[in-house]
Amino acid sequence: MTSVVLSVMLVNLRYLLMSSAISVFFRGQSGWQKVVSGLLLTDETFGVAVQHGSQHGKIAFAWMFRS
């Protein structure tokens, strides 16, 4: 049981790292917008969001629903 819990924690640690990496593109948004954007974050969304954020300097809250 302990190994399962540890494995799940390690696998999902990547979301903390991905969220930290794209947090610079969400400055100026409210706290609830950041939480919702984090909940919408997937591996695929991360790749597209980093590319979009690099080109535009920010990621609009509404953009997370379109991606």
Protein backbone atom coordinates (compact mmCIF):
# COMPACT_ATOMS: atom_id res chain seq x y z
CA MET A 1 0.00 0.00 0.00
CA THR A 2 2.80 2.42 0.83
CA SER A 3 4.48 1.78 -2.51
CA VAL A 4 1.24 2.59 -4.35
CA VAL A 5 0.80 5.88 -2.50
CA LEU A 6 4.44 6.81 -3.12
CA SER A 7 4.15 5.93 -6.80
CA VAL A 8 1.02 8.04 -7.22
CA MET A 9 2.68 10.99 -5.49
CA LEU A 10 5.77 10.77 -7.68
CA VAL A 11 3.80 10.42 -10.91
CA ASN A 12 1.60 13.40 -10.06
CA LEU A 13 4.55 15.53 -8.93
CA ARG A 14 4.95 16.49 -12.57
CA TYR A 15 1.84 18.68 -12.30
CA LEU A 16 3.53 20.74 -9.60
CA LEU A 17 6.54 21.18 -11.86
CA MET A 18 4.42 22.04 -14.92
CA SER A 19 2.34 24.54 -12.94
CA SER A 20 5.47 26.18 -11.60
CA ALA A 21 6.93 26.44 -15.09
CA ILE A 22 3.93 28.24 -16.59
CA SER A 23 3.00 30.34 -13.55
CA VAL A 24 4.82 33.35 -15.02
CA PHE A 25 2.20 33.51 -17.78
CA PHE A 26 -0.67 33.80 -15.27
CA ARG A 27 0.49 36.86 -13.37
CA GLY A 28 -2.24 39.42 -12.91
CA GLN A 29 -5.03 36.85 -12.76
CA SER A 30 -7.16 36.32 -9.68
CA GLY A 31 -6.57 33.42 -7.33
CA TRP A 32 -9.61 31.48 -8.45
CA GLN A 33 -8.62 31.88 -12.11
CA LYS A 34 -5.20 30.42 -11.32
CA VAL A 35 -6.78 27.48 -9.48
CA VAL A 36 -9.19 26.73 -12.33
CA SER A 37 -6.38 27.03 -14.88
CA GLY A 38 -4.33 24.58 -12.81
CA LEU A 39 -7.21 22.12 -12.75
CA LEU A 40 -7.43 22.30 -16.54
CA LEU A 41 -3.72 21.57 -16.96
CA THR A 42 -2.86 18.32 -18.71
CA ASP A 43 0.33 17.12 -20.36
CA GLU A 44 -0.96 18.18 -23.76
CA THR A 45 -2.25 21.53 -22.54
CA PHE A 46 1.10 22.25 -20.94
CA GLY A 47 2.98 21.93 -24.22
CA VAL A 48 0.55 24.13 -26.11
CA ALA A 49 0.33 26.66 -23.24
CA VAL A 50 4.09 27.09 -22.99
CA GLN A 51 4.30 27.72 -26.71
CA HIS A 52 1.39 30.19 -26.61
CA GLY A 53 2.73 31.94 -23.50
CA SER A 54 6.19 32.28 -25.01
CA GLN A 55 4.77 33.90 -28.13
CA HIS A 56 2.31 36.24 -26.39
CA GLY A 57 3.92 36.80 -22.98
CA LYS A 58 0.80 35.72 -21.10
CA ILE A 59 -2.04 33.22 -21.15
CA ALA A 60 -5.56 34.60 -20.89
CA PHE A 61 -7.94 32.74 -18.58
CA ALA A 62 -10.41 32.13 -21.41
CA TRP A 63 -7.62 30.61 -23.53
CA MET A 64 -7.36 27.67 -21.15
CA PHE A 65 -10.92 26.67 -22.08
CA ARG A 66 -10.16 26.80 -25.81
CA SER A 67 -6.96 24.77 -25.69
